[in-house]
Amino acid sequence: MKKIIIAILVGLFSTNVMSDHSWDGVVKGQIEQIDVSSTDDMTFRVLLKGVPSMCENSHRFAYLKKNNDSPVYDTYISALLAAKFAQAEVTIYSTKDEHGYCRIGYIVIR
């Protein structure tokens, strides 16, 4: 019974996130390329195969920025690397930052 309740809650949460219109970009595809940088900005970039824009801008990538206050950065990195090597389909939800770049806010891996 506990597993059923958890599954229902996860489903409801996922539905709410996916239907939320606050995302600037929602794109699907396989990961084509991952770039890692030592700069403070955009330390981890993801490009999807055949996706010309991640959030209605002129850039093909979306990025993650390490935030020392948030423990989920490493989780995002692990999940995206696993998706790349498994050739899994990824859905990336992103928002435009103050410079017009797409910052990853949520991912789904299938």
N, C-alpha and C. Protein backbone atom coordinates (compact mmCIF):
# COMPACT_ATOMS: atom_id res chain seq x y z
N MET A 1 0.82 -1.19 0.00
CA MET A 1 0.00 0.00 0.00
C MET A 1 0.87 1.26 0.00
N LYS A 2 1.95 1.22 0.77
CA LYS A 2 2.84 2.38 0.85
C LYS A 2 3.44 2.68 -0.52
N LYS A 3 3.82 1.63 -1.27
CA LYS A 3 4.41 1.82 -2.60
C LYS A 3 3.39 2.44 -3.56
N ILE A 4 2.14 2.05 -3.43
CA ILE A 4 1.10 2.60 -4.29
C ILE A 4 0.91 4.09 -4.02
N ILE A 5 0.89 4.46 -2.75
CA ILE A 5 0.73 5.87 -2.38
C ILE A 5 1.91 6.69 -2.90
N ILE A 6 3.11 6.16 -2.74
CA ILE A 6 4.31 6.86 -3.23
C ILE A 6 4.24 7.02 -4.74
N ALA A 7 3.84 5.97 -5.46
CA ALA A 7 3.74 6.04 -6.91
C ALA A 7 2.71 7.09 -7.35
N ILE A 8 1.60 7.16 -6.65
CA ILE A 8 0.58 8.16 -6.97
C ILE A 8 1.10 9.57 -6.73
N LEU A 9 1.78 9.77 -5.61
CA LEU A 9 2.32 11.10 -5.31
C LEU A 9 3.37 11.52 -6.32
N VAL A 10 4.24 10.59 -6.71
CA VAL A 10 5.26 10.89 -7.72
C VAL A 10 4.58 11.24 -9.04
N GLY A 11 3.56 10.49 -9.40
CA GLY A 11 2.83 10.77 -10.63
C GLY A 11 2.17 12.14 -10.62
N LEU A 12 1.56 12.49 -9.51
CA LEU A 12 0.93 13.80 -9.40
C LEU A 12 1.95 14.91 -9.47
N PHE A 13 3.08 14.73 -8.77
CA PHE A 13 4.14 15.74 -8.81
C PHE A 13 4.67 15.90 -10.22
N SER A 14 4.94 14.79 -10.90
CA SER A 14 5.46 14.84 -12.26
C SER A 14 4.49 15.54 -13.20
N THR A 15 3.22 15.24 -13.06
CA THR A 15 2.21 15.86 -13.91
C THR A 15 2.18 17.37 -13.69
N ASN A 16 2.24 17.79 -12.45
CA ASN A 16 2.22 19.22 -12.15
C ASN A 16 3.45 19.93 -12.71
N VAL A 17 4.61 19.30 -12.60
CA VAL A 17 5.83 19.92 -13.12
C VAL A 17 5.77 20.00 -14.63
N MET A 18 5.32 18.93 -15.28
CA MET A 18 5.29 18.91 -16.73
C MET A 18 4.25 19.86 -17.30
N SER A 19 3.18 20.10 -16.59
CA SER A 19 2.14 20.98 -17.11
C SER A 19 2.35 22.43 -16.70
N ASP A 20 3.35 22.68 -15.89
CA ASP A 20 3.62 24.04 -15.44
C ASP A 20 4.12 24.87 -16.62
N HIS A 21 3.49 25.99 -16.86
CA HIS A 21 3.85 26.82 -18.00
C HIS A 21 4.96 27.82 -17.68
N SER A 22 5.61 27.68 -16.54
CA SER A 22 6.65 28.63 -16.18
C SER A 22 8.00 28.29 -16.82
N TRP A 23 8.10 27.16 -17.52
CA TRP A 23 9.35 26.79 -18.17
C TRP A 23 9.48 27.53 -19.50
N ASP A 24 10.68 28.05 -19.78
CA ASP A 24 10.94 28.70 -21.06
C ASP A 24 11.22 27.68 -22.15
N GLY A 25 11.69 26.51 -21.75
CA GLY A 25 11.97 25.46 -22.72
C GLY A 25 11.68 24.08 -22.17
N VAL A 26 11.06 23.25 -23.00
CA VAL A 26 10.84 21.83 -22.69
C VAL A 26 11.20 21.08 -23.96
N VAL A 27 12.33 20.36 -23.93
CA VAL A 27 12.81 19.66 -25.12
C VAL A 27 13.11 18.21 -24.79
N LYS A 28 12.98 17.34 -25.82
CA LYS A 28 13.22 15.91 -25.66
C LYS A 28 14.23 15.44 -26.68
N GLY A 29 15.01 14.44 -26.29
CA GLY A 29 15.94 13.82 -27.23
C GLY A 29 17.03 13.07 -26.50
N GLN A 30 17.92 12.49 -27.30
CA GLN A 30 19.10 11.84 -26.73
C GLN A 30 20.21 12.87 -26.58
N ILE A 31 21.03 12.66 -25.58
CA ILE A 31 22.15 13.59 -25.37
C ILE A 31 23.19 13.37 -26.45
N GLU A 32 23.48 14.44 -27.17
CA GLU A 32 24.50 14.40 -28.23
C GLU A 32 25.88 14.68 -27.66
N GLN A 33 25.95 15.64 -26.74
CA GLN A 33 27.24 16.11 -26.26
C GLN A 33 27.10 16.67 -24.85
N ILE A 34 28.15 16.47 -24.07
CA ILE A 34 28.24 17.07 -22.74
C ILE A 34 29.56 17.84 -22.67
N ASP A 35 29.49 19.09 -22.24
CA ASP A 35 30.69 19.91 -22.07
C ASP A 35 30.85 20.21 -20.59
N VAL A 36 32.08 20.13 -20.11
CA VAL A 36 32.37 20.43 -18.70
C VAL A 36 33.43 21.53 -18.69
N SER A 37 33.21 22.55 -17.87
CA SER A 37 34.10 23.70 -17.82
C SER A 37 34.50 23.99 -16.38
N SER A 38 35.66 24.60 -16.23
CA SER A 38 36.11 24.96 -14.88
C SER A 38 35.67 26.37 -14.48
N THR A 39 34.96 27.05 -15.37
CA THR A 39 34.49 28.39 -15.02
C THR A 39 33.36 28.32 -14.01
N ASP A 40 33.10 29.42 -13.34
CA ASP A 40 32.01 29.47 -12.36
C ASP A 40 30.64 29.43 -13.02
N ASP A 41 30.55 29.92 -14.23
CA ASP A 41 29.28 29.93 -14.96
C ASP A 41 29.18 28.70 -15.85
N MET A 42 28.01 28.15 -15.95
CA MET A 42 27.73 27.06 -16.89
C MET A 42 28.77 25.94 -16.83
N THR A 43 29.00 25.39 -15.67
CA THR A 43 30.04 24.37 -15.51
C THR A 43 29.74 23.07 -16.24
N PHE A 44 28.47 22.80 -16.51
CA PHE A 44 28.07 21.54 -17.15
C PHE A 44 27.02 21.86 -18.20
N ARG A 45 27.34 21.59 -19.47
CA ARG A 45 26.42 21.91 -20.56
C ARG A 45 25.97 20.64 -21.26
N VAL A 46 24.72 20.63 -21.69
CA VAL A 46 24.14 19.47 -22.37
C VAL A 46 23.55 19.92 -23.70
N LEU A 47 23.83 19.15 -24.76
CA LEU A 47 23.23 19.38 -26.07
C LEU A 47 22.48 18.12 -26.47
N LEU A 48 21.29 18.26 -27.01
CA LEU A 48 20.49 17.12 -27.45
C LEU A 48 20.55 17.00 -28.97
N LYS A 49 20.51 15.77 -29.45
CA LYS A 49 20.54 15.51 -30.89
C LYS A 49 19.31 16.12 -31.56
N GLY A 50 19.55 16.88 -32.62
CA GLY A 50 18.46 17.42 -33.42
C GLY A 50 17.65 18.54 -32.78
N VAL A 51 18.12 19.07 -31.66
CA VAL A 51 17.39 20.16 -31.00
C VAL A 51 18.14 21.47 -31.27
N PRO A 52 17.53 22.37 -32.06
CA PRO A 52 18.23 23.61 -32.43
C PRO A 52 18.26 24.67 -31.33
N SER A 53 17.32 24.60 -30.38
CA SER A 53 17.26 25.59 -29.31
C SER A 53 16.66 24.95 -28.07
N MET A 54 17.27 25.20 -26.93
CA MET A 54 16.79 24.58 -25.69
C MET A 54 15.66 25.38 -25.04
N CYS A 55 15.64 26.69 -25.21
CA CYS A 55 14.56 27.48 -24.59
C CYS A 55 14.29 28.74 -25.40
N GLU A 56 14.02 28.54 -26.68
CA GLU A 56 13.65 29.64 -27.57
C GLU A 56 14.70 30.74 -27.61
N ASN A 57 15.96 30.32 -27.74
CA ASN A 57 17.04 31.28 -27.94
C ASN A 57 17.93 30.73 -29.05
N SER A 58 19.08 31.30 -29.27
CA SER A 58 19.95 30.86 -30.37
C SER A 58 21.01 29.86 -29.93
N HIS A 59 20.91 29.32 -28.72
CA HIS A 59 21.91 28.40 -28.20
C HIS A 59 21.38 26.97 -28.20
N ARG A 60 22.25 26.03 -28.56
CA ARG A 60 21.86 24.63 -28.62
C ARG A 60 22.00 23.92 -27.28
N PHE A 61 22.54 24.57 -26.28
CA PHE A 61 22.81 23.88 -25.01
C PHE A 61 21.97 24.45 -23.88
N ALA A 62 21.83 23.63 -22.85
CA ALA A 62 21.30 24.07 -21.56
C ALA A 62 22.38 23.75 -20.54
N TYR A 63 22.41 24.47 -19.44
CA TYR A 63 23.51 24.30 -18.51
C TYR A 63 23.05 24.11 -17.07
N LEU A 64 23.98 23.58 -16.30
CA LEU A 64 23.84 23.51 -14.84
C LEU A 64 24.95 24.35 -14.25
N LYS A 65 24.64 25.02 -13.17
CA LYS A 65 25.66 25.80 -12.45
C LYS A 65 25.73 25.25 -11.05
N LYS A 66 26.94 24.94 -10.61
CA LYS A 66 27.10 24.38 -9.27
C LYS A 66 26.73 25.42 -8.23
N ASN A 67 25.87 25.00 -7.33
CA ASN A 67 25.44 25.85 -6.22
C ASN A 67 25.80 25.10 -4.95
N ASN A 68 26.70 25.64 -4.17
CA ASN A 68 27.17 24.94 -2.97
C ASN A 68 26.07 24.73 -1.94
N ASP A 69 24.99 25.49 -2.03
CA ASP A 69 23.88 25.33 -1.10
C ASP A 69 22.93 24.20 -1.49
N SER A 70 23.09 23.68 -2.70
CA SER A 70 22.17 22.67 -3.20
C SER A 70 22.89 21.34 -3.43
N PRO A 71 22.42 20.27 -2.80
CA PRO A 71 23.06 18.97 -2.97
C PRO A 71 22.65 18.26 -4.26
N VAL A 72 21.72 18.81 -5.04
CA VAL A 72 21.22 18.08 -6.21
C VAL A 72 22.09 18.22 -7.46
N TYR A 73 23.06 19.09 -7.47
CA TYR A 73 23.94 19.26 -8.63
C TYR A 73 24.57 17.92 -9.01
N ASP A 74 25.13 17.22 -8.05
CA ASP A 74 25.77 15.94 -8.33
C ASP A 74 24.77 14.91 -8.82
N THR A 75 23.54 14.98 -8.35
CA THR A 75 22.49 14.07 -8.81
C THR A 75 22.17 14.34 -10.28
N TYR A 76 22.03 15.60 -10.64
CA TYR A 76 21.80 15.96 -12.05
C TYR A 76 22.94 15.43 -12.93
N ILE A 77 24.17 15.67 -12.51
CA ILE A 77 25.34 15.25 -13.29
C ILE A 77 25.32 13.73 -13.49
N SER A 78 25.13 13.00 -12.41
CA SER A 78 25.11 11.53 -12.49
C SER A 78 24.00 11.04 -13.41
N ALA A 79 22.82 11.61 -13.27
CA ALA A 79 21.68 11.18 -14.08
C ALA A 79 21.91 11.48 -15.56
N LEU A 80 22.43 12.66 -15.86
CA LEU A 80 22.66 13.02 -17.26
C LEU A 80 23.78 12.20 -17.90
N LEU A 81 24.84 11.93 -17.15
CA LEU A 81 25.91 11.07 -17.67
C LEU A 81 25.40 9.66 -17.92
N ALA A 82 24.60 9.13 -17.00
CA ALA A 82 24.03 7.79 -17.18
C ALA A 82 23.13 7.77 -18.42
N ALA A 83 22.34 8.81 -18.61
CA ALA A 83 21.46 8.89 -19.78
C ALA A 83 22.26 8.94 -21.07
N LYS A 84 23.37 9.65 -21.06
CA LYS A 84 24.23 9.73 -22.25
C LYS A 84 24.74 8.35 -22.63
N PHE A 85 25.27 7.62 -21.66
CA PHE A 85 25.86 6.32 -21.97
C PHE A 85 24.81 5.24 -22.22
N ALA A 86 23.62 5.41 -21.69
CA ALA A 86 22.53 4.46 -21.94
C ALA A 86 21.77 4.82 -23.22
N GLN A 87 22.10 5.95 -23.81
CA GLN A 87 21.41 6.46 -24.99
C GLN A 87 19.90 6.58 -24.73
N ALA A 88 19.57 7.00 -23.53
CA ALA A 88 18.17 7.14 -23.11
C ALA A 88 17.60 8.48 -23.59
N GLU A 89 16.28 8.52 -23.72
CA GLU A 89 15.62 9.77 -24.05
C GLU A 89 15.54 10.64 -22.80
N VAL A 90 15.86 11.90 -22.97
CA VAL A 90 15.87 12.86 -21.87
C VAL A 90 14.91 14.00 -22.20
N THR A 91 14.16 14.44 -21.21
CA THR A 91 13.37 15.67 -21.34
C THR A 91 13.99 16.68 -20.40
N ILE A 92 14.35 17.83 -20.95
CA ILE A 92 14.98 18.88 -20.16
C ILE A 92 14.04 20.09 -20.09
N TYR A 93 13.75 20.49 -18.86
CA TYR A 93 12.94 21.68 -18.60
C TYR A 93 13.92 22.78 -18.18
N SER A 94 13.84 23.93 -18.83
CA SER A 94 14.80 24.99 -18.51
C SER A 94 14.14 26.36 -18.48
N THR A 95 14.83 27.27 -17.84
CA THR A 95 14.41 28.67 -17.80
C THR A 95 15.57 29.53 -18.29
N LYS A 96 15.24 30.66 -18.87
CA LYS A 96 16.29 31.58 -19.33
C LYS A 96 16.85 32.33 -18.13
N ASP A 97 18.19 32.42 -18.11
CA ASP A 97 18.82 33.21 -17.06
C ASP A 97 18.85 34.68 -17.49
N GLU A 98 19.50 35.51 -16.71
CA GLU A 98 19.53 36.94 -16.99
C GLU A 98 20.28 37.30 -18.27
N HIS A 99 21.06 36.35 -18.81
CA HIS A 99 21.81 36.58 -20.05
C HIS A 99 21.16 35.90 -21.25
N GLY A 100 20.03 35.24 -21.04
CA GLY A 100 19.32 34.57 -22.13
C GLY A 100 19.73 33.13 -22.36
N TYR A 101 20.61 32.60 -21.51
CA TYR A 101 21.00 31.19 -21.62
C TYR A 101 19.99 30.31 -20.89
N CYS A 102 19.93 29.04 -21.28
CA CYS A 102 18.95 28.11 -20.71
C CYS A 102 19.55 27.36 -19.52
N ARG A 103 18.98 27.56 -18.36
CA ARG A 103 19.45 26.89 -17.15
C ARG A 103 18.51 25.72 -16.83
N ILE A 104 19.08 24.55 -16.67
CA ILE A 104 18.29 23.34 -16.41
C ILE A 104 17.64 23.45 -15.04
N GLY A 105 16.34 23.17 -15.01
CA GLY A 105 15.60 23.22 -13.75
C GLY A 105 15.00 21.89 -13.36
N TYR A 106 14.84 20.99 -14.35
CA TYR A 106 14.19 19.70 -14.08
C TYR A 106 14.51 18.78 -15.25
N ILE A 107 14.72 17.50 -14.97
CA ILE A 107 14.96 16.54 -16.05
C ILE A 107 14.13 15.28 -15.83
N VAL A 108 13.80 14.63 -16.94
CA VAL A 108 13.13 13.33 -16.91
C VAL A 108 13.92 12.44 -17.85
N ILE A 109 14.24 11.24 -17.38
CA ILE A 109 14.99 10.28 -18.20
C ILE A 109 14.12 9.06 -18.39
N ARG A 110 13.97 8.65 -19.65
CA ARG A 110 13.14 7.48 -19.96
C ARG A 110 13.98 6.38 -20.54
